[in-house]
Amino acid sequence: MLLILLGSTSCSSSAEPQGSSHTNSSHTPAKHEIQQTKTTKPLQVKSKPFQGSIPRKIDIPAVRIHSIIEPVTYLENGQMGVPGNTDRVGYLSTGILPGAAGNAIMDGHVDTYTGPAVFYPLKKLKRGDFVYVTGDDGCKLQFVVESVKFYLTSAAPIQTIFGPTEEHRLNLITCAGRYSRSKKEHEGRLIVFTKLTHMNSACEKIMVQNKDNSKNNPIIFKENE
């Protein structure tokens, strides 16, 4: 089932832009080049549980992505949905919330018939770049990019992307590689693997609300020293 999920996520060059600010209609598909820089020090563990925040906005300054986030869920065929608006990002609302222990998943379109879509710039991200996710409650989470990888759809490490983990992760997914007009499908996926490094004081309110459930989430965080 997870293989089907990845196979359908974020890939639709037939999508029409809605309120798009992109005007380049002569772009080429995402390249398979992965850029690397230095490693960022992990967040230290302390004594307050955190079970995630319902996300509303995503900002990735390094590639000028600033977008509204909306919930998506599974379609009737078991596939993960994507936002109808190609300038918006979707989060799997039935999965792990960003900031909680586990793999939170977000997806977005890479392009349309007329030009780039919201996640087209993901291929330019480098290790050490930051991703910021903010909730309506003001909780702001900072994630650091650990790797940016291209996979042929059939060869993607499904367990690593979607499977359980005790780390607090956020994986961003879009399509990449050559586009087949006959199949209406890109040949692969670009995955940005990120890890939580910082949270602001507004997240403390969510921690207090969730303290009764702390036994279910023993991995805990504090702000950077």
N, C-alpha and C. Protein backbone atom coordinates (compact mmCIF):
# COMPACT_ATOMS: atom_id res chain seq x y z
N MET A 1 0.83 -1.22 0.00
CA MET A 1 0.00 0.00 0.00
C MET A 1 0.85 1.25 0.00
N LEU A 2 1.96 1.25 0.77
CA LEU A 2 2.83 2.41 0.81
C LEU A 2 3.47 2.67 -0.54
N LEU A 3 3.77 1.61 -1.30
CA LEU A 3 4.34 1.79 -2.62
C LEU A 3 3.35 2.54 -3.51
N ILE A 4 2.07 2.21 -3.39
CA ILE A 4 1.04 2.91 -4.15
C ILE A 4 0.98 4.37 -3.72
N LEU A 5 1.10 4.58 -2.43
CA LEU A 5 1.09 5.94 -1.93
C LEU A 5 2.16 6.78 -2.59
N LEU A 6 3.40 6.29 -2.60
CA LEU A 6 4.50 7.05 -3.16
C LEU A 6 4.31 7.20 -4.65
N GLY A 7 3.79 6.16 -5.29
CA GLY A 7 3.62 6.20 -6.72
C GLY A 7 2.64 7.26 -7.17
N SER A 8 1.72 7.65 -6.30
CA SER A 8 0.70 8.62 -6.70
C SER A 8 0.94 10.00 -6.15
N THR A 9 1.87 10.13 -5.23
CA THR A 9 2.04 11.39 -4.51
C THR A 9 2.62 12.48 -5.39
N SER A 10 1.98 13.63 -5.44
CA SER A 10 2.52 14.87 -5.96
C SER A 10 2.79 14.88 -7.44
N CYS A 11 2.28 13.97 -8.21
CA CYS A 11 2.68 13.88 -9.60
C CYS A 11 1.53 14.07 -10.55
N SER A 12 1.38 15.30 -11.01
CA SER A 12 0.34 15.56 -11.99
C SER A 12 0.69 16.78 -12.81
N SER A 13 1.29 16.55 -13.97
CA SER A 13 1.59 17.67 -14.86
C SER A 13 0.35 18.17 -15.57
N SER A 14 -0.77 17.49 -15.37
CA SER A 14 -2.02 17.94 -15.98
C SER A 14 -2.74 18.94 -15.11
N ALA A 15 -2.21 19.16 -13.89
CA ALA A 15 -2.87 20.08 -12.97
C ALA A 15 -2.76 21.51 -13.47
N GLU A 16 -3.81 22.28 -13.31
CA GLU A 16 -3.79 23.68 -13.69
C GLU A 16 -3.43 24.54 -12.49
N PRO A 17 -2.58 25.54 -12.66
CA PRO A 17 -2.21 26.40 -11.54
C PRO A 17 -3.40 27.22 -11.09
N GLN A 18 -3.50 27.44 -9.78
CA GLN A 18 -4.57 28.25 -9.23
C GLN A 18 -3.97 29.36 -8.41
N GLY A 19 -4.04 30.58 -8.94
CA GLY A 19 -3.45 31.71 -8.24
C GLY A 19 -1.94 31.63 -8.24
N SER A 20 -1.36 30.98 -9.23
CA SER A 20 0.09 30.78 -9.25
C SER A 20 0.83 32.06 -9.57
N SER A 21 1.98 32.23 -8.94
CA SER A 21 2.83 33.38 -9.23
C SER A 21 3.93 33.00 -10.20
N HIS A 22 4.00 31.71 -10.59
CA HIS A 22 5.03 31.24 -11.51
C HIS A 22 4.58 31.51 -12.94
N THR A 23 5.53 31.95 -13.78
CA THR A 23 5.20 32.23 -15.16
C THR A 23 6.09 31.49 -16.14
N ASN A 24 7.07 30.77 -15.70
CA ASN A 24 7.99 30.07 -16.59
C ASN A 24 7.35 28.81 -17.13
N SER A 25 7.07 28.75 -18.43
CA SER A 25 6.44 27.60 -19.03
C SER A 25 7.41 26.74 -19.81
N SER A 26 8.71 27.08 -19.79
CA SER A 26 9.69 26.34 -20.57
C SER A 26 10.68 25.59 -19.69
N HIS A 27 10.29 25.29 -18.45
CA HIS A 27 11.19 24.63 -17.52
C HIS A 27 11.40 23.18 -17.92
N THR A 28 12.47 22.59 -17.39
CA THR A 28 12.75 21.18 -17.59
C THR A 28 12.48 20.43 -16.31
N PRO A 29 12.28 19.09 -16.37
CA PRO A 29 12.02 18.31 -15.15
C PRO A 29 13.15 18.43 -14.15
N ALA A 30 12.86 18.11 -12.90
CA ALA A 30 13.85 18.20 -11.83
C ALA A 30 15.06 17.33 -12.13
N LYS A 31 16.26 17.88 -11.96
CA LYS A 31 17.48 17.11 -12.17
C LYS A 31 17.71 16.15 -11.01
N HIS A 32 18.57 15.16 -11.24
CA HIS A 32 18.80 14.14 -10.24
C HIS A 32 19.99 14.47 -9.36
N GLU A 33 20.48 15.72 -9.43
CA GLU A 33 21.66 16.10 -8.66
C GLU A 33 21.29 16.39 -7.21
N ILE A 34 22.08 15.86 -6.28
CA ILE A 34 21.85 16.07 -4.86
C ILE A 34 23.02 16.85 -4.30
N GLN A 35 22.74 17.98 -3.67
CA GLN A 35 23.80 18.81 -3.12
C GLN A 35 23.93 18.57 -1.64
N GLN A 36 25.16 18.59 -1.14
CA GLN A 36 25.42 18.31 0.27
C GLN A 36 26.27 19.43 0.87
N THR A 37 26.02 19.74 2.14
CA THR A 37 26.87 20.63 2.90
C THR A 37 27.08 20.04 4.28
N LYS A 38 27.55 20.85 5.22
CA LYS A 38 27.89 20.32 6.53
C LYS A 38 26.67 19.88 7.34
N THR A 39 26.89 19.00 8.29
CA THR A 39 25.83 18.48 9.15
C THR A 39 25.49 19.48 10.25
N THR A 40 24.23 19.57 10.63
CA THR A 40 23.78 20.42 11.73
C THR A 40 23.65 19.59 13.00
N LYS A 41 24.06 20.18 14.13
CA LYS A 41 23.98 19.48 15.41
C LYS A 41 22.55 19.17 15.79
N PRO A 42 22.26 17.92 16.23
CA PRO A 42 20.88 17.55 16.57
C PRO A 42 20.36 18.30 17.80
N LEU A 43 19.04 18.39 17.90
CA LEU A 43 18.39 19.01 19.06
C LEU A 43 18.61 18.15 20.29
N GLN A 44 18.80 18.80 21.43
CA GLN A 44 19.03 18.08 22.68
C GLN A 44 17.71 17.60 23.29
N VAL A 45 17.77 16.50 24.02
CA VAL A 45 16.57 15.93 24.64
C VAL A 45 16.38 16.50 26.05
N LYS A 46 15.15 16.86 26.38
CA LYS A 46 14.83 17.34 27.72
C LYS A 46 13.54 16.69 28.22
N SER A 47 12.79 17.41 29.05
CA SER A 47 11.77 16.73 29.83
C SER A 47 10.32 17.06 29.48
N LYS A 48 10.05 17.62 28.31
CA LYS A 48 8.67 17.94 27.98
C LYS A 48 8.23 17.20 26.71
N PRO A 49 7.08 16.55 26.76
CA PRO A 49 6.63 15.81 25.58
C PRO A 49 6.05 16.74 24.53
N PHE A 50 6.14 16.36 23.29
CA PHE A 50 5.53 17.14 22.21
C PHE A 50 4.92 16.18 21.21
N GLN A 51 3.65 16.39 20.91
CA GLN A 51 2.93 15.47 20.03
C GLN A 51 2.56 16.09 18.70
N GLY A 52 3.17 17.20 18.37
CA GLY A 52 2.98 17.79 17.05
C GLY A 52 2.00 18.93 17.03
N SER A 53 2.01 19.66 15.93
CA SER A 53 1.15 20.82 15.74
C SER A 53 0.45 20.70 14.39
N ILE A 54 -0.83 21.07 14.34
CA ILE A 54 -1.54 21.09 13.06
C ILE A 54 -0.97 22.23 12.22
N PRO A 55 -0.37 21.92 11.08
CA PRO A 55 0.37 22.95 10.32
C PRO A 55 -0.55 23.81 9.47
N ARG A 56 -0.14 25.05 9.29
CA ARG A 56 -0.90 25.98 8.46
C ARG A 56 -0.04 26.63 7.37
N LYS A 57 1.25 26.83 7.66
CA LYS A 57 2.11 27.54 6.72
C LYS A 57 3.49 26.90 6.70
N ILE A 58 4.10 26.84 5.51
CA ILE A 58 5.46 26.33 5.38
C ILE A 58 6.30 27.39 4.71
N ASP A 59 7.50 27.59 5.24
CA ASP A 59 8.46 28.54 4.69
C ASP A 59 9.81 27.85 4.54
N ILE A 60 10.37 27.94 3.34
CA ILE A 60 11.71 27.40 3.08
C ILE A 60 12.51 28.51 2.43
N PRO A 61 13.14 29.37 3.24
CA PRO A 61 13.78 30.58 2.72
C PRO A 61 14.84 30.33 1.65
N ALA A 62 15.59 29.25 1.78
CA ALA A 62 16.70 29.00 0.85
C ALA A 62 16.24 28.88 -0.60
N VAL A 63 14.99 28.42 -0.80
CA VAL A 63 14.47 28.27 -2.17
C VAL A 63 13.19 29.09 -2.39
N ARG A 64 12.92 30.01 -1.47
CA ARG A 64 11.83 30.97 -1.59
C ARG A 64 10.46 30.29 -1.73
N ILE A 65 10.26 29.25 -0.96
CA ILE A 65 8.95 28.62 -0.88
C ILE A 65 8.22 29.17 0.34
N HIS A 66 7.06 29.74 0.11
CA HIS A 66 6.21 30.26 1.18
C HIS A 66 4.78 29.88 0.79
N SER A 67 4.20 28.94 1.51
CA SER A 67 2.92 28.39 1.06
C SER A 67 2.00 28.06 2.22
N ILE A 68 0.71 28.10 1.93
CA ILE A 68 -0.31 27.62 2.85
C ILE A 68 -0.31 26.09 2.80
N ILE A 69 -0.53 25.49 3.97
CA ILE A 69 -0.62 24.03 4.07
C ILE A 69 -2.08 23.65 4.31
N GLU A 70 -2.54 22.63 3.62
CA GLU A 70 -3.90 22.15 3.85
C GLU A 70 -3.88 20.64 4.06
N PRO A 71 -4.87 20.11 4.78
CA PRO A 71 -4.89 18.67 5.02
C PRO A 71 -5.26 17.88 3.78
N VAL A 72 -4.61 16.75 3.60
CA VAL A 72 -5.00 15.78 2.59
C VAL A 72 -5.07 14.43 3.28
N THR A 73 -5.78 13.51 2.68
CA THR A 73 -5.94 12.20 3.29
C THR A 73 -5.85 11.14 2.21
N TYR A 74 -6.23 9.92 2.56
CA TYR A 74 -6.20 8.85 1.58
C TYR A 74 -7.43 8.92 0.67
N LEU A 75 -7.21 8.67 -0.60
CA LEU A 75 -8.31 8.56 -1.54
C LEU A 75 -8.96 7.19 -1.41
N GLU A 76 -10.04 6.99 -2.11
CA GLU A 76 -10.76 5.71 -2.02
C GLU A 76 -9.89 4.54 -2.48
N ASN A 77 -8.94 4.81 -3.38
CA ASN A 77 -8.06 3.74 -3.87
C ASN A 77 -6.84 3.53 -2.98
N GLY A 78 -6.78 4.24 -1.84
CA GLY A 78 -5.68 4.06 -0.91
C GLY A 78 -4.49 4.97 -1.15
N GLN A 79 -4.56 5.80 -2.19
CA GLN A 79 -3.45 6.70 -2.50
C GLN A 79 -3.55 7.99 -1.67
N MET A 80 -2.41 8.64 -1.50
CA MET A 80 -2.38 9.90 -0.78
C MET A 80 -2.81 11.03 -1.70
N GLY A 81 -3.71 11.86 -1.22
CA GLY A 81 -4.18 12.96 -2.03
C GLY A 81 -3.19 14.11 -2.07
N VAL A 82 -3.41 15.04 -2.99
CA VAL A 82 -2.61 16.26 -3.09
C VAL A 82 -3.56 17.45 -3.15
N PRO A 83 -3.10 18.65 -2.79
CA PRO A 83 -3.98 19.82 -2.86
C PRO A 83 -4.43 20.08 -4.30
N GLY A 84 -5.66 20.55 -4.47
CA GLY A 84 -6.12 20.92 -5.79
C GLY A 84 -5.44 22.17 -6.30
N ASN A 85 -5.04 23.04 -5.39
CA ASN A 85 -4.32 24.26 -5.73
C ASN A 85 -2.84 23.94 -5.82
N THR A 86 -2.23 24.16 -6.98
CA THR A 86 -0.84 23.76 -7.19
C THR A 86 0.17 24.66 -6.49
N ASP A 87 -0.29 25.74 -5.88
CA ASP A 87 0.59 26.60 -5.08
C ASP A 87 0.51 26.28 -3.60
N ARG A 88 -0.23 25.22 -3.25
CA ARG A 88 -0.35 24.83 -1.84
C ARG A 88 0.31 23.49 -1.57
N VAL A 89 0.62 23.28 -0.30
CA VAL A 89 1.26 22.05 0.16
C VAL A 89 0.25 21.25 0.96
N GLY A 90 0.27 19.93 0.83
CA GLY A 90 -0.63 19.08 1.60
C GLY A 90 0.11 18.31 2.68
N TYR A 91 -0.52 18.14 3.83
CA TYR A 91 0.05 17.27 4.86
C TYR A 91 -0.90 16.11 5.10
N LEU A 92 -0.35 14.95 5.37
CA LEU A 92 -1.17 13.76 5.59
C LEU A 92 -1.84 13.87 6.95
N SER A 93 -3.08 14.30 6.96
CA SER A 93 -3.76 14.62 8.22
C SER A 93 -4.10 13.38 9.04
N THR A 94 -4.11 12.21 8.43
CA THR A 94 -4.36 10.98 9.16
C THR A 94 -3.07 10.33 9.64
N GLY A 95 -1.94 11.01 9.41
CA GLY A 95 -0.65 10.47 9.81
C GLY A 95 -0.07 11.23 10.99
N ILE A 96 1.25 11.30 11.04
CA ILE A 96 1.98 11.98 12.12
C ILE A 96 1.93 13.48 11.91
N LEU A 97 1.64 14.23 12.98
CA LEU A 97 1.68 15.68 12.90
C LEU A 97 3.13 16.17 12.89
N PRO A 98 3.44 17.24 12.16
CA PRO A 98 4.79 17.79 12.19
C PRO A 98 5.23 18.12 13.61
N GLY A 99 6.42 17.70 13.96
CA GLY A 99 6.97 17.92 15.29
C GLY A 99 6.86 16.73 16.20
N ALA A 100 5.93 15.83 15.94
CA ALA A 100 5.77 14.64 16.78
C ALA A 100 6.79 13.58 16.38
N ALA A 101 6.94 12.58 17.24
CA ALA A 101 7.83 11.47 16.92
C ALA A 101 7.24 10.68 15.77
N GLY A 102 8.03 10.48 14.72
CA GLY A 102 7.57 9.75 13.56
C GLY A 102 7.89 10.50 12.28
N ASN A 103 7.45 9.96 11.16
CA ASN A 103 7.62 10.59 9.86
C ASN A 103 6.36 11.34 9.47
N ALA A 104 6.37 12.66 9.65
CA ALA A 104 5.29 13.48 9.12
C ALA A 104 5.53 13.63 7.62
N ILE A 105 4.45 13.64 6.84
CA ILE A 105 4.59 13.66 5.39
C ILE A 105 3.87 14.87 4.81
N MET A 106 4.57 15.59 3.92
CA MET A 106 3.95 16.66 3.15
C MET A 106 4.26 16.45 1.68
N ASP A 107 3.30 16.81 0.83
CA ASP A 107 3.53 16.69 -0.61
C ASP A 107 3.05 17.94 -1.32
N GLY A 108 3.48 18.07 -2.57
CA GLY A 108 3.08 19.21 -3.39
C GLY A 108 3.42 18.94 -4.83
N HIS A 109 2.71 19.59 -5.72
CA HIS A 109 2.96 19.44 -7.15
C HIS A 109 4.32 20.04 -7.52
N VAL A 110 4.95 19.48 -8.54
CA VAL A 110 6.22 20.02 -9.03
C VAL A 110 5.99 20.95 -10.22
N ASP A 111 4.98 20.65 -11.05
CA ASP A 111 4.74 21.48 -12.22
C ASP A 111 3.30 21.32 -12.71
N THR A 112 2.99 22.11 -13.73
CA THR A 112 1.69 22.05 -14.39
C THR A 112 1.97 22.11 -15.90
N TYR A 113 0.93 22.14 -16.68
CA TYR A 113 1.11 22.29 -18.12
C TYR A 113 1.74 23.63 -18.49
N THR A 114 1.60 24.61 -17.61
CA THR A 114 2.05 25.96 -17.94
C THR A 114 3.32 26.40 -17.21
N GLY A 115 3.81 25.63 -16.27
CA GLY A 115 5.03 26.04 -15.58
C GLY A 115 5.20 25.38 -14.23
N PRO A 116 6.19 25.86 -13.45
CA PRO A 116 6.49 25.27 -12.15
C PRO A 116 5.36 25.42 -11.15
N ALA A 117 5.27 24.47 -10.23
CA ALA A 117 4.32 24.51 -9.13
C ALA A 117 5.09 24.68 -7.82
N VAL A 118 4.40 24.56 -6.69
CA VAL A 118 4.94 24.95 -5.40
C VAL A 118 6.25 24.26 -5.04
N PHE A 119 6.37 22.96 -5.31
CA PHE A 119 7.57 22.22 -4.89
C PHE A 119 8.62 22.09 -5.99
N TYR A 120 8.48 22.83 -7.06
CA TYR A 120 9.50 22.78 -8.12
C TYR A 120 10.90 23.11 -7.59
N PRO A 121 11.06 24.10 -6.67
CA PRO A 121 12.41 24.45 -6.21
C PRO A 121 13.04 23.46 -5.24
N LEU A 122 12.34 22.42 -4.81
CA LEU A 122 12.90 21.51 -3.80
C LEU A 122 14.24 20.93 -4.21
N LYS A 123 14.43 20.72 -5.52
CA LYS A 123 15.67 20.10 -6.00
C LYS A 123 16.90 20.95 -5.69
N LYS A 124 16.70 22.24 -5.38
CA LYS A 124 17.82 23.13 -5.09
C LYS A 124 18.22 23.13 -3.62
N LEU A 125 17.45 22.46 -2.77
CA LEU A 125 17.77 22.44 -1.34
C LEU A 125 19.07 21.70 -1.09
N LYS A 126 19.78 22.13 -0.05
CA LYS A 126 21.03 21.51 0.35
C LYS A 126 20.97 21.09 1.82
N ARG A 127 21.80 20.14 2.16
CA ARG A 127 21.91 19.73 3.55
C ARG A 127 22.28 20.94 4.40
N GLY A 128 21.54 21.14 5.49
CA GLY A 128 21.77 22.29 6.36
C GLY A 128 20.79 23.42 6.16
N ASP A 129 20.02 23.39 5.06
CA ASP A 129 18.96 24.39 4.87
C ASP A 129 17.82 24.12 5.86
N PHE A 130 17.02 25.15 6.11
CA PHE A 130 15.96 25.02 7.10
C PHE A 130 14.56 25.07 6.48
N VAL A 131 13.66 24.33 7.10
CA VAL A 131 12.25 24.32 6.74
C VAL A 131 11.47 24.74 7.98
N TYR A 132 10.60 25.72 7.85
CA TYR A 132 9.81 26.22 8.96
C TYR A 132 8.34 25.90 8.75
N VAL A 133 7.72 25.33 9.77
CA VAL A 133 6.30 24.98 9.71
C VAL A 133 5.60 25.68 10.87
N THR A 134 4.57 26.45 10.57
CA THR A 134 3.86 27.22 11.59
C THR A 134 2.39 26.80 11.63
N GLY A 135 1.86 26.67 12.85
CA GLY A 135 0.45 26.33 13.03
C GLY A 135 -0.39 27.56 13.33
N ASP A 136 -1.70 27.42 13.24
CA ASP A 136 -2.60 28.53 13.57
C ASP A 136 -2.46 28.94 15.02
N ASP A 137 -1.96 28.04 15.86
CA ASP A 137 -1.76 28.32 17.28
C ASP A 137 -0.47 29.09 17.55
N GLY A 138 0.29 29.40 16.48
CA GLY A 138 1.53 30.14 16.64
C GLY A 138 2.75 29.28 16.88
N CYS A 139 2.55 27.98 17.04
CA CYS A 139 3.68 27.07 17.23
C CYS A 139 4.50 27.01 15.94
N LYS A 140 5.77 27.37 16.05
CA LYS A 140 6.66 27.37 14.89
C LYS A 140 7.76 26.34 15.08
N LEU A 141 7.86 25.45 14.12
CA LEU A 141 8.84 24.36 14.17
C LEU A 141 9.91 24.59 13.12
N GLN A 142 11.15 24.35 13.52
CA GLN A 142 12.26 24.44 12.57
C GLN A 142 12.83 23.05 12.32
N PHE A 143 12.90 22.68 11.05
CA PHE A 143 13.50 21.41 10.64
C PHE A 143 14.74 21.70 9.81
N VAL A 144 15.73 20.84 9.91
CA VAL A 144 16.93 20.99 9.10
C VAL A 144 16.97 19.89 8.05
N VAL A 145 17.36 20.27 6.84
CA VAL A 145 17.47 19.31 5.75
C VAL A 145 18.69 18.42 5.98
N GLU A 146 18.46 17.12 6.02
CA GLU A 146 19.56 16.16 6.17
C GLU A 146 19.99 15.57 4.83
N SER A 147 19.04 15.38 3.93
CA SER A 147 19.38 14.86 2.61
C SER A 147 18.27 15.15 1.62
N VAL A 148 18.65 15.23 0.35
CA VAL A 148 17.71 15.43 -0.75
C VAL A 148 18.02 14.34 -1.76
N LYS A 149 17.06 13.46 -1.99
CA LYS A 149 17.35 12.27 -2.80
C LYS A 149 16.29 12.03 -3.88
N PHE A 150 16.79 11.58 -5.03
CA PHE A 150 15.92 11.17 -6.13
C PHE A 150 15.86 9.66 -6.19
N TYR A 151 14.65 9.12 -6.36
CA TYR A 151 14.48 7.68 -6.51
C TYR A 151 13.56 7.41 -7.69
N LEU A 152 13.88 6.37 -8.47
CA LEU A 152 12.86 5.83 -9.35
C LEU A 152 11.74 5.32 -8.45
N THR A 153 10.52 5.50 -8.88
CA THR A 153 9.38 5.18 -8.01
C THR A 153 9.44 3.77 -7.47
N SER A 154 9.80 2.83 -8.32
CA SER A 154 9.81 1.42 -7.89
C SER A 154 10.96 1.10 -6.94
N ALA A 155 11.95 1.99 -6.85
CA ALA A 155 13.13 1.72 -6.02
C ALA A 155 13.16 2.55 -4.74
N ALA A 156 12.13 3.32 -4.48
CA ALA A 156 12.13 4.19 -3.31
C ALA A 156 12.06 3.39 -2.01
N PRO A 157 12.78 3.82 -0.97
CA PRO A 157 12.76 3.13 0.33
C PRO A 157 11.51 3.47 1.12
N ILE A 158 10.45 2.76 0.87
CA ILE A 158 9.14 3.10 1.42
C ILE A 158 9.14 3.13 2.95
N GLN A 159 9.82 2.17 3.57
CA GLN A 159 9.84 2.11 5.03
C GLN A 159 10.52 3.33 5.62
N THR A 160 11.59 3.80 4.99
CA THR A 160 12.31 4.97 5.47
C THR A 160 11.46 6.22 5.35
N ILE A 161 10.69 6.32 4.29
CA ILE A 161 9.89 7.52 4.04
C ILE A 161 8.63 7.56 4.90
N PHE A 162 7.90 6.43 4.93
CA PHE A 162 6.59 6.40 5.56
C PHE A 162 6.55 5.64 6.88
N GLY A 163 7.55 4.79 7.12
CA GLY A 163 7.49 3.88 8.26
C GLY A 163 7.70 4.55 9.60
N PRO A 164 7.53 3.80 10.69
CA PRO A 164 7.66 4.36 12.04
C PRO A 164 9.11 4.69 12.39
N THR A 165 9.29 5.69 13.23
CA THR A 165 10.59 6.06 13.76
C THR A 165 10.38 6.81 15.07
N GLU A 166 11.35 6.73 15.95
CA GLU A 166 11.27 7.49 17.21
C GLU A 166 11.80 8.91 17.05
N GLU A 167 12.41 9.21 15.90
CA GLU A 167 12.89 10.56 15.65
C GLU A 167 11.74 11.44 15.17
N HIS A 168 11.92 12.75 15.33
CA HIS A 168 10.89 13.71 14.96
C HIS A 168 11.23 14.25 13.57
N ARG A 169 10.59 13.70 12.55
CA ARG A 169 10.98 13.96 11.17
C ARG A 169 9.84 14.53 10.34
N LEU A 170 10.23 15.22 9.27
CA LEU A 170 9.30 15.71 8.27
C LEU A 170 9.89 15.40 6.90
N ASN A 171 9.15 14.65 6.08
CA ASN A 171 9.60 14.31 4.73
C ASN A 171 8.73 15.02 3.71
N LEU A 172 9.39 15.72 2.80
CA LEU A 172 8.70 16.45 1.74
C LEU A 172 8.83 15.66 0.44
N ILE A 173 7.72 15.51 -0.28
CA ILE A 173 7.71 14.67 -1.47
C ILE A 173 7.16 15.42 -2.67
N THR A 174 7.84 15.28 -3.80
CA THR A 174 7.30 15.75 -5.06
C THR A 174 7.80 14.83 -6.16
N CYS A 175 7.26 14.98 -7.36
CA CYS A 175 7.70 14.11 -8.44
C CYS A 175 8.92 14.70 -9.13
N ALA A 176 9.64 13.87 -9.85
CA ALA A 176 10.89 14.29 -10.48
C ALA A 176 11.23 13.37 -11.64
N GLY A 177 12.19 13.80 -12.44
CA GLY A 177 12.63 12.98 -13.55
C GLY A 177 11.80 13.18 -14.81
N ARG A 178 12.01 12.32 -15.77
CA ARG A 178 11.31 12.42 -17.05
C ARG A 178 9.80 12.21 -16.88
N TYR A 179 9.05 12.92 -17.68
CA TYR A 179 7.59 12.79 -17.64
C TYR A 179 7.11 12.02 -18.86
N SER A 180 6.29 11.01 -18.61
CA SER A 180 5.71 10.20 -19.68
C SER A 180 4.31 10.72 -20.01
N ARG A 181 4.12 11.22 -21.21
CA ARG A 181 2.81 11.72 -21.59
C ARG A 181 1.79 10.59 -21.71
N SER A 182 2.28 9.42 -22.14
CA SER A 182 1.36 8.29 -22.29
C SER A 182 0.87 7.78 -20.94
N LYS A 183 1.77 7.73 -19.95
CA LYS A 183 1.41 7.26 -18.62
C LYS A 183 0.89 8.39 -17.73
N LYS A 184 1.13 9.65 -18.19
CA LYS A 184 0.81 10.83 -17.38
C LYS A 184 1.46 10.72 -16.00
N GLU A 185 2.74 10.40 -16.02
CA GLU A 185 3.45 10.12 -14.77
C GLU A 185 4.93 10.44 -14.92
N HIS A 186 5.53 11.01 -13.86
CA HIS A 186 6.98 11.16 -13.81
C HIS A 186 7.62 9.83 -13.42
N GLU A 187 8.88 9.69 -13.79
CA GLU A 187 9.56 8.41 -13.55
C GLU A 187 9.99 8.21 -12.11
N GLY A 188 10.05 9.27 -11.32
CA GLY A 188 10.56 9.12 -9.97
C GLY A 188 10.02 10.15 -9.01
N ARG A 189 10.63 10.14 -7.81
CA ARG A 189 10.23 11.05 -6.75
C ARG A 189 11.46 11.72 -6.15
N LEU A 190 11.29 12.96 -5.78
CA LEU A 190 12.31 13.69 -5.03
C LEU A 190 11.85 13.74 -3.59
N ILE A 191 12.68 13.26 -2.68
CA ILE A 191 12.35 13.23 -1.25
C ILE A 191 13.32 14.11 -0.49
N VAL A 192 12.80 15.04 0.29
CA VAL A 192 13.63 15.86 1.18
C VAL A 192 13.42 15.35 2.59
N PHE A 193 14.47 14.80 3.18
CA PHE A 193 14.42 14.27 4.54
C PHE A 193 14.88 15.35 5.50
N THR A 194 14.03 15.70 6.48
CA THR A 194 14.39 16.72 7.45
C THR A 194 14.15 16.22 8.87
N LYS A 195 14.79 16.89 9.82
CA LYS A 195 14.67 16.51 11.23
C LYS A 195 14.45 17.75 12.09
N LEU A 196 13.60 17.63 13.10
CA LEU A 196 13.28 18.75 13.99
C LEU A 196 14.51 19.21 14.76
N THR A 197 14.74 20.53 14.76
CA THR A 197 15.88 21.09 15.49
C THR A 197 15.50 22.18 16.49
N HIS A 198 14.30 22.75 16.35
CA HIS A 198 13.96 23.90 17.20
C HIS A 198 12.45 24.09 17.21
N MET A 199 11.94 24.59 18.33
CA MET A 199 10.52 24.97 18.42
C MET A 199 10.41 26.24 19.27
N ASN A 200 9.43 27.09 18.98
CA ASN A 200 9.31 28.34 19.72
C ASN A 200 8.47 28.17 20.99
N SER A 201 8.34 29.25 21.74
CA SER A 201 7.68 29.18 23.04
C SER A 201 6.18 28.87 22.93
N ALA A 202 5.57 29.21 21.78
CA ALA A 202 4.15 28.92 21.62
C ALA A 202 3.87 27.42 21.64
N CYS A 203 4.87 26.63 21.30
CA CYS A 203 4.70 25.18 21.32
C CYS A 203 4.53 24.66 22.75
N GLU A 204 4.95 25.46 23.75
CA GLU A 204 4.82 25.06 25.15
C GLU A 204 3.35 24.83 25.50
N LYS A 205 2.45 25.61 24.92
CA LYS A 205 1.03 25.46 25.21
C LYS A 205 0.53 24.08 24.77
N ILE A 206 1.01 23.65 23.62
CA ILE A 206 0.61 22.32 23.13
C ILE A 206 1.18 21.24 24.03
N MET A 207 2.39 21.45 24.53
CA MET A 207 3.00 20.49 25.43
C MET A 207 2.17 20.32 26.69
N VAL A 208 1.69 21.45 27.24
CA VAL A 208 0.89 21.41 28.45
C VAL A 208 -0.42 20.66 28.20
N GLN A 209 -1.03 20.92 27.06
CA GLN A 209 -2.28 20.26 26.71
C GLN A 209 -2.10 18.75 26.56
N ASN A 210 -0.91 18.37 26.16
CA ASN A 210 -0.66 16.95 25.89
C ASN A 210 0.05 16.22 27.03
N LYS A 211 0.25 16.89 28.17
CA LYS A 211 1.05 16.27 29.21
C LYS A 211 0.44 14.98 29.74
N ASP A 212 -0.88 14.87 29.69
CA ASP A 212 -1.52 13.65 30.18
C ASP A 212 -1.23 12.45 29.29
N ASN A 213 -0.79 12.73 28.07
CA ASN A 213 -0.47 11.64 27.14
C ASN A 213 1.03 11.44 26.98
N SER A 214 1.81 11.99 27.90
CA SER A 214 3.26 11.97 27.75
C SER A 214 3.85 10.57 27.70
N LYS A 215 3.18 9.60 28.33
CA LYS A 215 3.72 8.25 28.33
C LYS A 215 3.71 7.65 26.93
N ASN A 216 2.85 8.17 26.07
CA ASN A 216 2.76 7.66 24.71
C ASN A 216 3.78 8.28 23.78
N ASN A 217 4.51 9.29 24.28
CA ASN A 217 5.47 10.00 23.43
C ASN A 217 6.71 10.34 24.24
N PRO A 218 7.57 9.37 24.53
CA PRO A 218 8.69 9.60 25.41
C PRO A 218 9.84 10.41 24.81
N ILE A 219 9.86 10.62 23.50
CA ILE A 219 10.92 11.40 22.88
C ILE A 219 10.53 12.87 23.00
N ILE A 220 11.37 13.68 23.63
CA ILE A 220 11.00 15.03 23.99
C ILE A 220 12.10 16.02 23.62
N PHE A 221 11.71 17.30 23.47
CA PHE A 221 12.64 18.28 22.95
C PHE A 221 12.61 19.58 23.75
N LYS A 222 13.67 20.33 23.61
CA LYS A 222 13.72 21.70 24.11
C LYS A 222 14.29 22.58 23.01
N GLU A 223 14.22 23.89 23.20
CA GLU A 223 14.81 24.79 22.22
C GLU A 223 16.33 24.68 22.30
N ASN A 224 16.99 25.09 21.18
CA ASN A 224 18.45 25.05 21.13
C ASN A 224 19.07 25.91 22.21
N GLU A 225 20.18 25.43 22.73
CA GLU A 225 20.90 26.21 23.73
C GLU A 225 21.81 27.21 23.05
